[in-house]
Amino acid sequence: MIEKRVSAKKKARELAKYLRAERPDYAYLKSLFQYLRSELEIEVSKSNKSPT
């Protein structure tokens, strides 16, 4: 049986409620999501961006 995902916007609100008290800055959130991807074993795909 396939489970339905919570929308990204709703999940973002849940995470914001949890993190708001810590008043995180950009660098902290970037690091947090790097560790989260690592824990979930998600690899970042490298794409070639053409300069415009």
N, C-alpha and C. Protein backbone atom coordinates (compact mmCIF):
# COMPACT_ATOMS: atom_id res chain seq x y z
N MET A 1 0.85 -1.19 0.00
CA MET A 1 0.00 0.00 0.00
C MET A 1 0.89 1.25 0.00
N ILE A 2 0.58 2.20 -0.83
CA ILE A 2 1.35 3.43 -0.94
C ILE A 2 0.80 4.46 0.05
N GLU A 3 1.70 5.01 0.87
CA GLU A 3 1.30 6.03 1.83
C GLU A 3 1.37 7.40 1.17
N LYS A 4 0.43 8.25 1.50
CA LYS A 4 0.39 9.59 0.94
C LYS A 4 1.36 10.50 1.70
N ARG A 5 2.12 11.28 0.98
CA ARG A 5 3.05 12.22 1.60
C ARG A 5 2.34 13.48 2.05
N VAL A 6 2.87 14.07 3.09
CA VAL A 6 2.42 15.38 3.53
C VAL A 6 3.03 16.39 2.56
N SER A 7 2.28 17.43 2.23
CA SER A 7 2.80 18.42 1.28
C SER A 7 4.06 19.08 1.86
N ALA A 8 4.93 19.52 0.98
CA ALA A 8 6.18 20.15 1.40
C ALA A 8 5.91 21.41 2.22
N LYS A 9 4.88 22.17 1.84
CA LYS A 9 4.55 23.39 2.55
C LYS A 9 4.10 23.09 3.98
N LYS A 10 3.29 22.06 4.15
CA LYS A 10 2.81 21.68 5.48
C LYS A 10 3.97 21.17 6.34
N LYS A 11 4.85 20.37 5.75
CA LYS A 11 6.01 19.86 6.49
C LYS A 11 6.93 20.99 6.89
N ALA A 12 7.08 21.99 6.01
CA ALA A 12 7.91 23.16 6.32
C ALA A 12 7.35 23.90 7.52
N ARG A 13 6.03 24.03 7.58
CA ARG A 13 5.40 24.69 8.73
C ARG A 13 5.67 23.91 10.02
N GLU A 14 5.59 22.59 9.96
CA GLU A 14 5.86 21.76 11.13
C GLU A 14 7.30 21.95 11.61
N LEU A 15 8.23 21.94 10.66
CA LEU A 15 9.64 22.13 11.02
C LEU A 15 9.88 23.54 11.56
N ALA A 16 9.21 24.52 10.99
CA ALA A 16 9.38 25.91 11.45
C ALA A 16 8.93 26.05 12.91
N LYS A 17 7.82 25.42 13.26
CA LYS A 17 7.35 25.47 14.65
C LYS A 17 8.40 24.89 15.59
N TYR A 18 9.02 23.81 15.16
CA TYR A 18 10.01 23.13 15.98
C TYR A 18 11.30 23.95 16.12
N LEU A 19 11.71 24.60 15.03
CA LEU A 19 12.99 25.31 15.00
C LEU A 19 12.92 26.78 15.38
N ARG A 20 11.74 27.37 15.35
CA ARG A 20 11.60 28.82 15.55
C ARG A 20 12.24 29.31 16.84
N ALA A 21 12.10 28.57 17.94
CA ALA A 21 12.64 28.99 19.24
C ALA A 21 14.16 29.12 19.20
N GLU A 22 14.82 28.37 18.32
CA GLU A 22 16.29 28.42 18.22
C GLU A 22 16.77 29.59 17.37
N ARG A 23 15.86 30.25 16.66
CA ARG A 23 16.21 31.37 15.77
C ARG A 23 17.40 31.03 14.87
N PRO A 24 17.24 29.99 14.04
CA PRO A 24 18.36 29.55 13.20
C PRO A 24 18.68 30.54 12.08
N ASP A 25 19.97 30.60 11.73
CA ASP A 25 20.36 31.42 10.59
C ASP A 25 20.55 30.52 9.37
N TYR A 26 20.87 31.13 8.24
CA TYR A 26 20.98 30.38 6.99
C TYR A 26 22.03 29.28 7.08
N ALA A 27 23.20 29.59 7.63
CA ALA A 27 24.29 28.61 7.70
C ALA A 27 23.88 27.40 8.54
N TYR A 28 23.17 27.65 9.65
CA TYR A 28 22.72 26.56 10.51
C TYR A 28 21.73 25.66 9.77
N LEU A 29 20.76 26.28 9.08
CA LEU A 29 19.77 25.49 8.34
C LEU A 29 20.42 24.70 7.21
N LYS A 30 21.39 25.30 6.54
CA LYS A 30 22.09 24.60 5.46
C LYS A 30 22.79 23.36 6.02
N SER A 31 23.48 23.52 7.13
CA SER A 31 24.16 22.40 7.76
C SER A 31 23.16 21.34 8.23
N LEU A 32 22.06 21.80 8.82
CA LEU A 32 21.02 20.89 9.31
C LEU A 32 20.50 20.00 8.19
N PHE A 33 20.19 20.60 7.05
CA PHE A 33 19.65 19.82 5.94
C PHE A 33 20.70 18.93 5.29
N GLN A 34 21.97 19.30 5.36
CA GLN A 34 23.03 18.41 4.88
C GLN A 34 23.06 17.14 5.74
N TYR A 35 22.98 17.32 7.06
CA TYR A 35 22.96 16.16 7.95
C TYR A 35 21.69 15.34 7.78
N LEU A 36 20.56 15.99 7.53
CA LEU A 36 19.30 15.30 7.31
C LEU A 36 19.38 14.43 6.06
N ARG A 37 19.92 15.00 4.97
CA ARG A 37 20.08 14.20 3.75
C ARG A 37 20.99 13.01 4.00
N SER A 38 22.03 13.20 4.79
CA SER A 38 22.95 12.12 5.11
C SER A 38 22.23 11.02 5.90
N GLU A 39 21.44 11.41 6.90
CA GLU A 39 20.70 10.45 7.71
C GLU A 39 19.70 9.66 6.87
N LEU A 40 19.09 10.33 5.89
CA LEU A 40 18.10 9.68 5.03
C LEU A 40 18.74 9.00 3.82
N GLU A 41 20.06 9.08 3.75
CA GLU A 41 20.84 8.48 2.66
C GLU A 41 20.37 8.99 1.30
N ILE A 42 20.24 10.31 1.20
CA ILE A 42 19.85 10.96 -0.05
C ILE A 42 21.08 11.64 -0.62
N GLU A 43 21.41 11.30 -1.86
CA GLU A 43 22.57 11.90 -2.52
C GLU A 43 22.12 13.11 -3.33
N VAL A 44 22.92 14.16 -3.28
CA VAL A 44 22.65 15.36 -4.04
C VAL A 44 23.11 15.12 -5.47
N SER A 45 22.20 15.33 -6.41
CA SER A 45 22.58 15.14 -7.81
C SER A 45 23.27 16.39 -8.30
N LYS A 46 24.38 16.22 -8.95
CA LYS A 46 25.15 17.34 -9.49
C LYS A 46 24.71 17.53 -10.94
N SER A 47 24.20 18.71 -11.25
CA SER A 47 23.80 19.00 -12.61
C SER A 47 24.65 20.13 -13.16
N ASN A 48 24.92 20.08 -14.42
CA ASN A 48 25.69 21.15 -15.05
C ASN A 48 24.75 22.28 -15.40
N LYS A 49 25.01 23.43 -14.83
CA LYS A 49 24.20 24.61 -15.11
C LYS A 49 24.91 25.43 -16.17
N SER A 50 24.18 25.76 -17.21
CA SER A 50 24.80 26.57 -18.26
C SER A 50 24.76 28.04 -17.87
N PRO A 51 25.87 28.74 -18.05
CA PRO A 51 25.89 30.16 -17.71
C PRO A 51 25.01 30.95 -18.66
N THR A 52 24.28 31.91 -18.14
CA THR A 52 23.41 32.73 -19.00
C THR A 52 23.75 34.18 -18.87
